[in-house]
Amino acid sequence: MAPRPQTPGQADATGEVLGAAGFALAAVGSVDWMAWRGAVTERETSKAVGTARLRREQEEKLREVLRAYPADRRGYIKGSPGEYPAMTHGRAARIAREEGVRAEAAGNRGYGAWAKR
């Protein structure tokens, strides 16, 4: 085992240099990771906001259809589920119920059908 250095000239600075380099690398890595994570979060947030806006627009469109369109001779208002891709069938049924209309699930040949009460 080597004796401990007695003067600053005898000390080896390799450990300090490696420690400082490791700390700098960790700091730069942290900044990069936080910037990447922030960009991912921003994309996810903007996508969620866009989806929520689209869903609200489609819900309002469905409400207008249910209020304005007259029923056919059998008492049904028909619509295409393709016009409301951001909305689930369950949500459409709840909106119909709120508007005083009953949602029909069977025998509508791929169309959404709502029966006037």
PDB file of N, CA and C in Angstrom:
ATOM      1  N   MET A   1       0.834  -1.170   0.000  1.00  0.00           N
ATOM      2  CA  MET A   1       0.000   0.000   0.000  1.00  0.00           C
ATOM      3  C   MET A   1       0.886   1.243   0.000  1.00  0.00           C
ATOM      4  N   ALA A   2       0.542   2.162  -0.864  1.00  0.00           N
ATOM      5  CA  ALA A   2       1.356   3.366  -0.995  1.00  0.00           C
ATOM      6  C   ALA A   2       1.077   4.314   0.169  1.00  0.00           C
ATOM      7  N   PRO A   3       2.089   5.036   0.607  1.00  0.00           N
ATOM      8  CA  PRO A   3       1.854   5.986   1.705  1.00  0.00           C
ATOM      9  C   PRO A   3       1.005   7.155   1.220  1.00  0.00           C
ATOM     10  N   ARG A   4       0.251   7.736   2.112  1.00  0.00           N
ATOM     11  CA  ARG A   4      -0.612   8.879   1.784  1.00  0.00           C
ATOM     12  C   ARG A   4       0.265  10.058   1.357  1.00  0.00           C
ATOM     13  N   PRO A   5      -0.181  10.844   0.361  1.00  0.00           N
ATOM     14  CA  PRO A   5       0.634  11.988  -0.081  1.00  0.00           C
ATOM     15  C   PRO A   5       0.750  13.034   1.029  1.00  0.00           C
ATOM     16  N   GLN A   6       1.882  13.652   1.086  1.00  0.00           N
ATOM     17  CA  GLN A   6       2.136  14.654   2.112  1.00  0.00           C
ATOM     18  C   GLN A   6       2.021  16.074   1.570  1.00  0.00           C
ATOM     19  N   THR A   7       2.196  16.243   0.253  1.00  0.00           N
ATOM     20  CA  THR A   7       2.108  17.582  -0.351  1.00  0.00           C
ATOM     21  C   THR A   7       1.131  17.532  -1.511  1.00  0.00           C
ATOM     22  N   PRO A   8       0.573  18.705  -1.902  1.00  0.00           N
ATOM     23  CA  PRO A   8      -0.359  18.710  -3.025  1.00  0.00           C
ATOM     24  C   PRO A   8       0.258  18.190  -4.318  1.00  0.00           C
ATOM     25  N   GLY A   9       1.532  18.314  -4.498  1.00  0.00           N
ATOM     26  CA  GLY A   9       2.186  17.836  -5.704  1.00  0.00           C
ATOM     27  C   GLY A   9       2.215  16.318  -5.788  1.00  0.00           C
ATOM     28  N   GLN A  10       2.137  15.641  -4.660  1.00  0.00           N
ATOM     29  CA  GLN A  10       2.164  14.186  -4.642  1.00  0.00           C
ATOM     30  C   GLN A  10       0.772  13.576  -4.857  1.00  0.00           C
ATOM     31  N   ALA A  11      -0.297  14.362  -4.772  1.00  0.00           N
ATOM     32  CA  ALA A  11      -1.673  13.844  -4.899  1.00  0.00           C
ATOM     33  C   ALA A  11      -2.005  13.578  -6.363  1.00  0.00           C
ATOM     34  N   ASP A  12      -2.786  12.544  -6.583  1.00  0.00           N
ATOM     35  CA  ASP A  12      -3.238  12.189  -7.931  1.00  0.00           C
ATOM     36  C   ASP A  12      -4.658  12.712  -8.110  1.00  0.00           C
ATOM     37  N   ALA A  13      -4.912  13.505  -9.120  1.00  0.00           N
ATOM     38  CA  ALA A  13      -6.222  14.144  -9.333  1.00  0.00           C
ATOM     39  C   ALA A  13      -7.154  13.299 -10.190  1.00  0.00           C
ATOM     40  N   THR A  14      -6.767  12.076 -10.532  1.00  0.00           N
ATOM     41  CA  THR A  14      -7.586  11.245 -11.409  1.00  0.00           C
ATOM     42  C   THR A  14      -8.966  10.984 -10.806  1.00  0.00           C
ATOM     43  N   GLY A  15      -9.045  10.688  -9.541  1.00  0.00           N
ATOM     44  CA  GLY A  15     -10.333  10.420  -8.886  1.00  0.00           C
ATOM     45  C   GLY A  15     -11.258  11.625  -8.939  1.00  0.00           C
ATOM     46  N   GLU A  16     -10.714  12.787  -8.676  1.00  0.00           N
ATOM     47  CA  GLU A  16     -11.521  14.011  -8.727  1.00  0.00           C
ATOM     48  C   GLU A  16     -12.012  14.303 -10.143  1.00  0.00           C
ATOM     49  N   VAL A  17     -11.159  14.104 -11.120  1.00  0.00           N
ATOM     50  CA  VAL A  17     -11.540  14.344 -12.517  1.00  0.00           C
ATOM     51  C   VAL A  17     -12.630  13.363 -12.938  1.00  0.00           C
ATOM     52  N   LEU A  18     -12.456  12.094 -12.593  1.00  0.00           N
ATOM     53  CA  LEU A  18     -13.472  11.099 -12.943  1.00  0.00           C
ATOM     54  C   LEU A  18     -14.793  11.381 -12.226  1.00  0.00           C
ATOM     55  N   GLY A  19     -14.722  11.795 -10.977  1.00  0.00           N
ATOM     56  CA  GLY A  19     -15.941  12.132 -10.237  1.00  0.00           C
ATOM     57  C   GLY A  19     -16.667  13.318 -10.864  1.00  0.00           C
ATOM     58  N   ALA A  20     -15.933  14.355 -11.224  1.00  0.00           N
ATOM     59  CA  ALA A  20     -16.533  15.536 -11.844  1.00  0.00           C
ATOM     60  C   ALA A  20     -17.115  15.193 -13.215  1.00  0.00           C
ATOM     61  N   ALA A  21     -16.411  14.354 -13.982  1.00  0.00           N
ATOM     62  CA  ALA A  21     -16.922  13.948 -15.297  1.00  0.00           C
ATOM     63  C   ALA A  21     -18.197  13.124 -15.147  1.00  0.00           C
ATOM     64  N   GLY A  22     -18.234  12.240 -14.174  1.00  0.00           N
ATOM     65  CA  GLY A  22     -19.438  11.449 -13.930  1.00  0.00           C
ATOM     66  C   GLY A  22     -20.607  12.329 -13.521  1.00  0.00           C
ATOM     67  N   PHE A  23     -20.351  13.300 -12.661  1.00  0.00           N
ATOM     68  CA  PHE A  23     -21.402  14.222 -12.246  1.00  0.00           C
ATOM     69  C   PHE A  23     -21.913  15.040 -13.437  1.00  0.00           C
ATOM     70  N   ALA A  24     -21.009  15.534 -14.278  1.00  0.00           N
ATOM     71  CA  ALA A  24     -21.414  16.310 -15.454  1.00  0.00           C
ATOM     72  C   ALA A  24     -22.228  15.447 -16.418  1.00  0.00           C
ATOM     73  N   LEU A  25     -21.819  14.216 -16.624  1.00  0.00           N
ATOM     74  CA  LEU A  25     -22.554  13.310 -17.495  1.00  0.00           C
ATOM     75  C   LEU A  25     -23.963  13.046 -16.949  1.00  0.00           C
ATOM     76  N   ALA A  26     -24.062  12.844 -15.653  1.00  0.00           N
ATOM     77  CA  ALA A  26     -25.375  12.625 -15.030  1.00  0.00           C
ATOM     78  C   ALA A  26     -26.260  13.864 -15.170  1.00  0.00           C
ATOM     79  N   ALA A  27     -25.693  15.047 -14.997  1.00  0.00           N
ATOM     80  CA  ALA A  27     -26.463  16.287 -15.118  1.00  0.00           C
ATOM     81  C   ALA A  27     -26.972  16.479 -16.549  1.00  0.00           C
ATOM     82  N   VAL A  28     -26.108  16.276 -17.533  1.00  0.00           N
ATOM     83  CA  VAL A  28     -26.515  16.415 -18.934  1.00  0.00           C
ATOM     84  C   VAL A  28     -27.568  15.361 -19.291  1.00  0.00           C
ATOM     85  N   GLY A  29     -27.378  14.132 -18.821  1.00  0.00           N
ATOM     86  CA  GLY A  29     -28.358  13.076 -19.065  1.00  0.00           C
ATOM     87  C   GLY A  29     -29.711  13.410 -18.455  1.00  0.00           C
ATOM     88  N   SER A  30     -29.708  13.972 -17.263  1.00  0.00           N
ATOM     89  CA  SER A  30     -30.965  14.361 -16.608  1.00  0.00           C
ATOM     90  C   SER A  30     -31.693  15.450 -17.389  1.00  0.00           C
ATOM     91  N   VAL A  31     -30.952  16.434 -17.857  1.00  0.00           N
ATOM     92  CA  VAL A  31     -31.562  17.518 -18.634  1.00  0.00           C
ATOM     93  C   VAL A  31     -32.146  16.977 -19.938  1.00  0.00           C
ATOM     94  N   ASP A  32     -31.398  16.120 -20.616  1.00  0.00           N
ATOM     95  CA  ASP A  32     -31.899  15.518 -21.857  1.00  0.00           C
ATOM     96  C   ASP A  32     -33.155  14.695 -21.610  1.00  0.00           C
ATOM     97  N   TRP A  33     -33.135  13.875 -20.558  1.00  0.00           N
ATOM     98  CA  TRP A  33     -34.287  13.029 -20.256  1.00  0.00           C
ATOM     99  C   TRP A  33     -35.514  13.882 -19.929  1.00  0.00           C
ATOM    100  N   MET A  34     -35.332  14.944 -19.152  1.00  0.00           N
ATOM    101  CA  MET A  34     -36.465  15.807 -18.795  1.00  0.00           C
ATOM    102  C   MET A  34     -37.015  16.529 -20.021  1.00  0.00           C
ATOM    103  N   ALA A  35     -36.155  16.946 -20.930  1.00  0.00           N
ATOM    104  CA  ALA A  35     -36.623  17.597 -22.160  1.00  0.00           C
ATOM    105  C   ALA A  35     -37.395  16.607 -23.024  1.00  0.00           C
ATOM    106  N   TRP A  36     -36.902  15.396 -23.157  1.00  0.00           N
ATOM    107  CA  TRP A  36     -37.608  14.369 -23.943  1.00  0.00           C
ATOM    108  C   TRP A  36     -38.946  14.042 -23.297  1.00  0.00           C
ATOM    109  N   ARG A  37     -38.963  13.867 -21.991  1.00  0.00           N
ATOM    110  CA  ARG A  37     -40.188  13.525 -21.273  1.00  0.00           C
ATOM    111  C   ARG A  37     -41.212  14.658 -21.394  1.00  0.00           C
ATOM    112  N   GLY A  38     -40.749  15.906 -21.335  1.00  0.00           N
ATOM    113  CA  GLY A  38     -41.649  17.045 -21.494  1.00  0.00           C
ATOM    114  C   GLY A  38     -42.277  17.077 -22.881  1.00  0.00           C
ATOM    115  N   ALA A  39     -41.489  16.746 -23.902  1.00  0.00           N
ATOM    116  CA  ALA A  39     -42.023  16.722 -25.264  1.00  0.00           C
ATOM    117  C   ALA A  39     -43.062  15.620 -25.416  1.00  0.00           C
ATOM    118  N   VAL A  40     -42.805  14.454 -24.827  1.00  0.00           N
ATOM    119  CA  VAL A  40     -43.770  13.352 -24.897  1.00  0.00           C
ATOM    120  C   VAL A  40     -45.063  13.739 -24.186  1.00  0.00           C
ATOM    121  N   THR A  41     -44.951  14.326 -23.018  1.00  0.00           N
ATOM    122  CA  THR A  41     -46.132  14.743 -22.253  1.00  0.00           C
ATOM    123  C   THR A  41     -46.922  15.792 -23.012  1.00  0.00           C
ATOM    124  N   GLU A  42     -46.233  16.724 -23.653  1.00  0.00           N
ATOM    125  CA  GLU A  42     -46.917  17.757 -24.424  1.00  0.00           C
ATOM    126  C   GLU A  42     -47.694  17.139 -25.591  1.00  0.00           C
ATOM    127  N   ARG A  43     -47.087  16.172 -26.288  1.00  0.00           N
ATOM    128  CA  ARG A  43     -47.790  15.506 -27.387  1.00  0.00           C
ATOM    129  C   ARG A  43     -49.015  14.762 -26.878  1.00  0.00           C
ATOM    130  N   GLU A  44     -48.844  14.036 -25.782  1.00  0.00           N
ATOM    131  CA  GLU A  44     -49.966  13.275 -25.221  1.00  0.00           C
ATOM    132  C   GLU A  44     -51.083  14.203 -24.773  1.00  0.00           C
ATOM    133  N   THR A  45     -50.739  15.322 -24.171  1.00  0.00           N
ATOM    134  CA  THR A  45     -51.740  16.283 -23.705  1.00  0.00           C
ATOM    135  C   THR A  45     -52.487  16.893 -24.871  1.00  0.00           C
ATOM    136  N   SER A  46     -51.772  17.293 -25.920  1.00  0.00           N
ATOM    137  CA  SER A  46     -52.444  17.905 -27.065  1.00  0.00           C
ATOM    138  C   SER A  46     -53.346  16.895 -27.765  1.00  0.00           C
ATOM    139  N   LYS A  47     -52.931  15.621 -27.800  1.00  0.00           N
ATOM    140  CA  LYS A  47     -53.771  14.587 -28.399  1.00  0.00           C
ATOM    141  C   LYS A  47     -55.038  14.384 -27.565  1.00  0.00           C
ATOM    142  N   ALA A  48     -54.885  14.353 -26.252  1.00  0.00           N
ATOM    143  CA  ALA A  48     -56.041  14.168 -25.361  1.00  0.00           C
ATOM    144  C   ALA A  48     -57.002  15.351 -25.467  1.00  0.00           C
ATOM    145  N   VAL A  49     -56.473  16.554 -25.570  1.00  0.00           N
ATOM    146  CA  VAL A  49     -57.322  17.743 -25.707  1.00  0.00           C
ATOM    147  C   VAL A  49     -58.068  17.689 -27.032  1.00  0.00           C
ATOM    148  N   GLY A  50     -57.383  17.296 -28.094  1.00  0.00           N
ATOM    149  CA  GLY A  50     -58.035  17.184 -29.404  1.00  0.00           C
ATOM    150  C   GLY A  50     -59.125  16.132 -29.414  1.00  0.00           C
ATOM    151  N   THR A  51     -58.869  14.989 -28.766  1.00  0.00           N
ATOM    152  CA  THR A  51     -59.866  13.923 -28.698  1.00  0.00           C
ATOM    153  C   THR A  51     -61.072  14.369 -27.885  1.00  0.00           C
ATOM    154  N   ALA A  52     -60.834  15.052 -26.774  1.00  0.00           N
ATOM    155  CA  ALA A  52     -61.940  15.540 -25.939  1.00  0.00           C
ATOM    156  C   ALA A  52     -62.783  16.554 -26.700  1.00  0.00           C
ATOM    157  N   ARG A  53     -62.130  17.432 -27.449  1.00  0.00           N
ATOM    158  CA  ARG A  53     -62.868  18.429 -28.235  1.00  0.00           C
ATOM    159  C   ARG A  53     -63.710  17.749 -29.314  1.00  0.00           C
ATOM    160  N   LEU A  54     -63.136  16.763 -29.986  1.00  0.00           N
ATOM    161  CA  LEU A  54     -63.859  16.015 -31.015  1.00  0.00           C
ATOM    162  C   LEU A  54     -65.059  15.292 -30.404  1.00  0.00           C
ATOM    163  N   ARG A  55     -64.872  14.682 -29.233  1.00  0.00           N
ATOM    164  CA  ARG A  55     -65.967  13.978 -28.567  1.00  0.00           C
ATOM    165  C   ARG A  55     -67.092  14.949 -28.198  1.00  0.00           C
ATOM    166  N   ARG A  56     -66.739  16.123 -27.659  1.00  0.00           N
ATOM    167  CA  ARG A  56     -67.765  17.127 -27.316  1.00  0.00           C
ATOM    168  C   ARG A  56     -68.530  17.589 -28.549  1.00  0.00           C
ATOM    169  N   GLU A  57     -67.804  17.810 -29.654  1.00  0.00           N
ATOM    170  CA  GLU A  57     -68.463  18.239 -30.894  1.00  0.00           C
ATOM    171  C   GLU A  57     -69.430  17.166 -31.392  1.00  0.00           C
ATOM    172  N   GLN A  58     -69.007  15.909 -31.337  1.00  0.00           N
ATOM    173  CA  GLN A  58     -69.871  14.831 -31.805  1.00  0.00           C
ATOM    174  C   GLN A  58     -71.073  14.641 -30.886  1.00  0.00           C
ATOM    175  N   GLU A  59     -70.887  14.822 -29.587  1.00  0.00           N
ATOM    176  CA  GLU A  59     -72.012  14.719 -28.666  1.00  0.00           C
ATOM    177  C   GLU A  59     -73.038  15.815 -28.951  1.00  0.00           C
ATOM    178  N   GLU A  60     -72.554  17.025 -29.194  1.00  0.00           N
ATOM    179  CA  GLU A  60     -73.476  18.128 -29.507  1.00  0.00           C
ATOM    180  C   GLU A  60     -74.199  17.887 -30.831  1.00  0.00           C
ATOM    181  N   LYS A  61     -73.474  17.352 -31.806  1.00  0.00           N
ATOM    182  CA  LYS A  61     -74.094  17.030 -33.101  1.00  0.00           C
ATOM    183  C   LYS A  61     -75.194  15.985 -32.917  1.00  0.00           C
ATOM    184  N   LEU A  62     -74.944  14.950 -32.101  1.00  0.00           N
ATOM    185  CA  LEU A  62     -75.950  13.924 -31.839  1.00  0.00           C
ATOM    186  C   LEU A  62     -77.160  14.527 -31.125  1.00  0.00           C
ATOM    187  N   ARG A  63     -76.916  15.411 -30.173  1.00  0.00           N
ATOM    188  CA  ARG A  63     -78.035  16.067 -29.475  1.00  0.00           C
ATOM    189  C   ARG A  63     -78.893  16.867 -30.462  1.00  0.00           C
ATOM    190  N   GLU A  64     -78.245  17.576 -31.376  1.00  0.00           N
ATOM    191  CA  GLU A  64     -78.992  18.346 -32.381  1.00  0.00           C
ATOM    192  C   GLU A  64     -79.820  17.418 -33.267  1.00  0.00           C
ATOM    193  N   VAL A  65     -79.230  16.302 -33.676  1.00  0.00           N
ATOM    194  CA  VAL A  65     -79.945  15.340 -34.520  1.00  0.00           C
ATOM    195  C   VAL A  65     -81.164  14.809 -33.780  1.00  0.00           C
ATOM    196  N   LEU A  66     -80.978  14.448 -32.526  1.00  0.00           N
ATOM    197  CA  LEU A  66     -82.087  13.881 -31.763  1.00  0.00           C
ATOM    198  C   LEU A  66     -83.191  14.903 -31.495  1.00  0.00           C
ATOM    199  N   ARG A  67     -82.829  16.172 -31.368  1.00  0.00           N
ATOM    200  CA  ARG A  67     -83.833  17.215 -31.134  1.00  0.00           C
ATOM    201  C   ARG A  67     -84.556  17.616 -32.415  1.00  0.00           C
ATOM    202  N   ALA A  68     -83.819  17.702 -33.523  1.00  0.00           N
ATOM    203  CA  ALA A  68     -84.354  18.326 -34.725  1.00  0.00           C
ATOM    204  C   ALA A  68     -84.970  17.358 -35.727  1.00  0.00           C
ATOM    205  N   TYR A  69     -84.378  16.177 -35.886  1.00  0.00           N
ATOM    206  CA  TYR A  69     -84.836  15.303 -36.956  1.00  0.00           C
ATOM    207  C   TYR A  69     -86.164  14.649 -36.594  1.00  0.00           C
ATOM    208  N   PRO A  70     -87.091  14.636 -37.524  1.00  0.00           N
ATOM    209  CA  PRO A  70     -88.375  13.979 -37.256  1.00  0.00           C
ATOM    210  C   PRO A  70     -88.220  12.466 -37.326  1.00  0.00           C
ATOM    211  N   ALA A  71     -89.088  11.774 -36.620  1.00  0.00           N
ATOM    212  CA  ALA A  71     -89.070  10.315 -36.637  1.00  0.00           C
ATOM    213  C   ALA A  71     -89.721   9.821 -37.928  1.00  0.00           C
ATOM    214  N   ASP A  72     -89.314   8.621 -38.380  1.00  0.00           N
ATOM    215  CA  ASP A  72     -89.942   8.029 -39.566  1.00  0.00           C
ATOM    216  C   ASP A  72     -91.321   7.471 -39.185  1.00  0.00           C
ATOM    217  N   ARG A  73     -91.972   6.787 -40.105  1.00  0.00           N
ATOM    218  CA  ARG A  73     -93.346   6.329 -39.872  1.00  0.00           C
ATOM    219  C   ARG A  73     -93.454   5.327 -38.734  1.00  0.00           C
ATOM    220  N   ARG A  74     -92.334   4.650 -38.401  1.00  0.00           N
ATOM    221  CA  ARG A  74     -92.366   3.700 -37.295  1.00  0.00           C
ATOM    222  C   ARG A  74     -91.914   4.328 -35.978  1.00  0.00           C
ATOM    223  N   GLY A  75     -91.578   5.604 -35.991  1.00  0.00           N
ATOM    224  CA  GLY A  75     -91.190   6.302 -34.767  1.00  0.00           C
ATOM    225  C   GLY A  75     -89.707   6.291 -34.471  1.00  0.00           C
ATOM    226  N   TYR A  76     -88.866   6.039 -35.497  1.00  0.00           N
ATOM    227  CA  TYR A  76     -87.427   5.962 -35.292  1.00  0.00           C
ATOM    228  C   TYR A  76     -86.711   7.151 -35.932  1.00  0.00           C
ATOM    229  N   ILE A  77     -85.643   7.552 -35.276  1.00  0.00           N
ATOM    230  CA  ILE A  77     -84.687   8.495 -35.858  1.00  0.00           C
ATOM    231  C   ILE A  77     -83.462   7.653 -36.152  1.00  0.00           C
ATOM    232  N   LYS A  78     -83.014   7.635 -37.397  1.00  0.00           N
ATOM    233  CA  LYS A  78     -81.868   6.799 -37.758  1.00  0.00           C
ATOM    234  C   LYS A  78     -80.641   7.666 -37.982  1.00  0.00           C
ATOM    235  N   GLY A  79     -79.490   7.094 -37.636  1.00  0.00           N
ATOM    236  CA  GLY A  79     -78.217   7.766 -37.845  1.00  0.00           C
ATOM    237  C   GLY A  79     -77.138   6.730 -38.038  1.00  0.00           C
ATOM    238  N   SER A  80     -76.051   7.157 -38.592  1.00  0.00           N
ATOM    239  CA  SER A  80     -74.938   6.245 -38.836  1.00  0.00           C
ATOM    240  C   SER A  80     -73.917   6.367 -37.707  1.00  0.00           C
ATOM    241  N   PRO A  81     -73.515   5.245 -37.094  1.00  0.00           N
ATOM    242  CA  PRO A  81     -72.477   5.299 -36.056  1.00  0.00           C
ATOM    243  C   PRO A  81     -71.154   5.846 -36.597  1.00  0.00           C
ATOM    244  N   GLY A  82     -70.950   5.756 -37.908  1.00  0.00           N
ATOM    245  CA  GLY A  82     -69.728   6.285 -38.500  1.00  0.00           C
ATOM    246  C   GLY A  82     -69.625   7.797 -38.400  1.00  0.00           C
ATOM    247  N   GLU A  83     -70.736   8.464 -38.156  1.00  0.00           N
ATOM    248  CA  GLU A  83     -70.707   9.917 -37.989  1.00  0.00           C
ATOM    249  C   GLU A  83     -70.192  10.323 -36.615  1.00  0.00           C
ATOM    250  N   TYR A  84     -70.109   9.362 -35.689  1.00  0.00           N
ATOM    251  CA  TYR A  84     -69.703   9.646 -34.313  1.00  0.00           C
ATOM    252  C   TYR A  84     -68.598   8.680 -33.873  1.00  0.00           C
ATOM    253  N   PRO A  85     -67.444   8.686 -34.538  1.00  0.00           N
ATOM    254  CA  PRO A  85     -66.419   7.684 -34.227  1.00  0.00           C
ATOM    255  C   PRO A  85     -65.780   7.849 -32.842  1.00  0.00           C
ATOM    256  N   ALA A  86     -65.821   9.022 -32.263  1.00  0.00           N
ATOM    257  CA  ALA A  86     -65.179   9.230 -30.961  1.00  0.00           C
ATOM    258  C   ALA A  86     -66.109   8.890 -29.803  1.00  0.00           C
ATOM    259  N   MET A  87     -67.323   8.460 -30.111  1.00  0.00           N
ATOM    260  CA  MET A  87     -68.310   8.211 -29.075  1.00  0.00           C
ATOM    261  C   MET A  87     -68.655   6.722 -29.007  1.00  0.00           C
ATOM    262  N   THR A  88     -68.729   6.195 -27.796  1.00  0.00           N
ATOM    263  CA  THR A  88     -69.106   4.790 -27.631  1.00  0.00           C
ATOM    264  C   THR A  88     -70.619   4.652 -27.743  1.00  0.00           C
ATOM    265  N   HIS A  89     -71.071   3.439 -27.989  1.00  0.00           N
ATOM    266  CA  HIS A  89     -72.508   3.189 -28.086  1.00  0.00           C
ATOM    267  C   HIS A  89     -73.194   3.513 -26.756  1.00  0.00           C
ATOM    268  N   GLY A  90     -72.534   3.178 -25.651  1.00  0.00           N
ATOM    269  CA  GLY A  90     -73.095   3.472 -24.335  1.00  0.00           C
ATOM    270  C   GLY A  90     -73.286   4.962 -24.102  1.00  0.00           C
ATOM    271  N   ARG A  91     -72.297   5.752 -24.520  1.00  0.00           N
ATOM    272  CA  ARG A  91     -72.404   7.207 -24.349  1.00  0.00           C
ATOM    273  C   ARG A  91     -73.526   7.756 -25.228  1.00  0.00           C
ATOM    274  N   ALA A  92     -73.645   7.259 -26.453  1.00  0.00           N
ATOM    275  CA  ALA A  92     -74.729   7.692 -27.342  1.00  0.00           C
ATOM    276  C   ALA A  92     -76.083   7.334 -26.730  1.00  0.00           C
ATOM    277  N   ALA A  93     -76.189   6.166 -26.108  1.00  0.00           N
ATOM    278  CA  ALA A  93     -77.448   5.764 -25.475  1.00  0.00           C
ATOM    279  C   ALA A  93     -77.783   6.669 -24.301  1.00  0.00           C
ATOM    280  N   ARG A  94     -76.771   7.075 -23.511  1.00  0.00           N
ATOM    281  CA  ARG A  94     -77.021   7.988 -22.391  1.00  0.00           C
ATOM    282  C   ARG A  94     -77.485   9.356 -22.877  1.00  0.00           C
ATOM    283  N   ILE A  95     -76.865   9.841 -23.956  1.00  0.00           N
ATOM    284  CA  ILE A  95     -77.282  11.131 -24.516  1.00  0.00           C
ATOM    285  C   ILE A  95     -78.713  11.029 -25.025  1.00  0.00           C
ATOM    286  N   ALA A  96     -79.041   9.935 -25.691  1.00  0.00           N
ATOM    287  CA  ALA A  96     -80.404   9.740 -26.186  1.00  0.00           C
ATOM    288  C   ALA A  96     -81.393   9.742 -25.021  1.00  0.00           C
ATOM    289  N   ARG A  97     -81.035   9.061 -23.945  1.00  0.00           N
ATOM    290  CA  ARG A  97     -81.911   9.017 -22.774  1.00  0.00           C
ATOM    291  C   ARG A  97     -82.100  10.417 -22.190  1.00  0.00           C
ATOM    292  N   GLU A  98     -81.030  11.211 -22.147  1.00  0.00           N
ATOM    293  CA  GLU A  98     -81.124  12.591 -21.655  1.00  0.00           C
ATOM    294  C   GLU A  98     -82.051  13.431 -22.527  1.00  0.00           C
ATOM    295  N   GLU A  99     -82.087  13.123 -23.820  1.00  0.00           N
ATOM    296  CA  GLU A  99     -82.922  13.885 -24.757  1.00  0.00           C
ATOM    297  C   GLU A  99     -84.338  13.317 -24.865  1.00  0.00           C
ATOM    298  N   GLY A 100     -84.653  12.313 -24.061  1.00  0.00           N
ATOM    299  CA  GLY A 100     -85.993  11.756 -24.063  1.00  0.00           C
ATOM    300  C   GLY A 100     -86.240  10.765 -25.182  1.00  0.00           C
ATOM    301  N   VAL A 101     -85.181  10.140 -25.656  1.00  0.00           N
ATOM    302  CA  VAL A 101     -85.282   9.182 -26.754  1.00  0.00           C
ATOM    303  C   VAL A 101     -84.704   7.857 -26.264  1.00  0.00           C
ATOM    304  N   ARG A 102     -85.210   6.751 -26.758  1.00  0.00           N
ATOM    305  CA  ARG A 102     -84.754   5.422 -26.366  1.00  0.00           C
ATOM    306  C   ARG A 102     -83.824   4.872 -27.454  1.00  0.00           C
ATOM    307  N   ALA A 103     -82.669   4.394 -27.078  1.00  0.00           N
ATOM    308  CA  ALA A 103     -81.719   3.819 -28.045  1.00  0.00           C
ATOM    309  C   ALA A 103     -82.117   2.385 -28.351  1.00  0.00           C
ATOM    310  N   GLU A 104     -82.074   2.018 -29.623  1.00  0.00           N
ATOM    311  CA  GLU A 104     -82.374   0.657 -30.057  1.00  0.00           C
ATOM    312  C   GLU A 104     -81.060  -0.004 -30.449  1.00  0.00           C
ATOM    313  N   ALA A 105     -80.864  -1.247 -30.058  1.00  0.00           N
ATOM    314  CA  ALA A 105     -79.591  -1.913 -30.322  1.00  0.00           C
ATOM    315  C   ALA A 105     -79.671  -3.014 -31.360  1.00  0.00           C
ATOM    316  N   ALA A 106     -80.843  -3.551 -31.623  1.00  0.00           N
ATOM    317  CA  ALA A 106     -80.923  -4.721 -32.505  1.00  0.00           C
ATOM    318  C   ALA A 106     -81.798  -4.433 -33.714  1.00  0.00           C
ATOM    319  N   GLY A 107     -81.500  -5.117 -34.807  1.00  0.00           N
ATOM    320  CA  GLY A 107     -82.337  -5.050 -36.000  1.00  0.00           C
ATOM    321  C   GLY A 107     -82.275  -3.740 -36.752  1.00  0.00           C
ATOM    322  N   ASN A 108     -81.174  -3.020 -36.646  1.00  0.00           N
ATOM    323  CA  ASN A 108     -81.106  -1.729 -37.327  1.00  0.00           C
ATOM    324  C   ASN A 108     -80.120  -1.725 -38.486  1.00  0.00           C
ATOM    325  N   ARG A 109     -79.650  -2.881 -38.903  1.00  0.00           N
ATOM    326  CA  ARG A 109     -78.784  -3.054 -40.081  1.00  0.00           C
ATOM    327  C   ARG A 109     -77.576  -2.112 -40.100  1.00  0.00           C
ATOM    328  N   GLY A 110     -76.907  -1.977 -38.967  1.00  0.00           N
ATOM    329  CA  GLY A 110     -75.686  -1.174 -38.920  1.00  0.00           C
ATOM    330  C   GLY A 110     -75.911   0.296 -38.682  1.00  0.00           C
ATOM    331  N   TYR A 111     -77.157   0.709 -38.516  1.00  0.00           N
ATOM    332  CA  TYR A 111     -77.436   2.104 -38.234  1.00  0.00           C
ATOM    333  C   TYR A 111     -77.750   2.252 -36.759  1.00  0.00           C
ATOM    334  N   GLY A 112     -77.482   3.439 -36.228  1.00  0.00           N
ATOM    335  CA  GLY A 112     -77.949   3.739 -34.894  1.00  0.00           C
ATOM    336  C   GLY A 112     -79.403   4.132 -35.010  1.00  0.00           C
ATOM    337  N   ALA A 113     -80.232   3.602 -34.162  1.00  0.00           N
ATOM    338  CA  ALA A 113     -81.656   3.914 -34.229  1.00  0.00           C
ATOM    339  C   ALA A 113     -82.101   4.371 -32.840  1.00  0.00           C
ATOM    340  N   TRP A 114     -82.891   5.443 -32.825  1.00  0.00           N
ATOM    341  CA  TRP A 114     -83.426   5.959 -31.590  1.00  0.00           C
ATOM    342  C   TRP A 114     -84.928   6.072 -31.755  1.00  0.00           C
ATOM    343  N   ALA A 115     -85.660   5.591 -30.792  1.00  0.00           N
ATOM    344  CA  ALA A 115     -87.123   5.607 -30.866  1.00  0.00           C
ATOM    345  C   ALA A 115     -87.642   6.772 -30.035  1.00  0.00           C
ATOM    346  N   LYS A 116     -88.509   7.577 -30.619  1.00  0.00           N
ATOM    347  CA  LYS A 116     -89.132   8.679 -29.876  1.00  0.00           C
ATOM    348  C   LYS A 116     -90.091   8.081 -28.858  1.00  0.00           C
ATOM    349  N   ARG A 117     -90.121   8.658 -27.691  1.00  0.00           N
ATOM    350  CA  ARG A 117     -91.033   8.156 -26.646  1.00  0.00           C
ATOM    351  C   ARG A 117     -92.371   8.789 -26.773  1.00  0.00           C
TER     352      ARG A 117
END
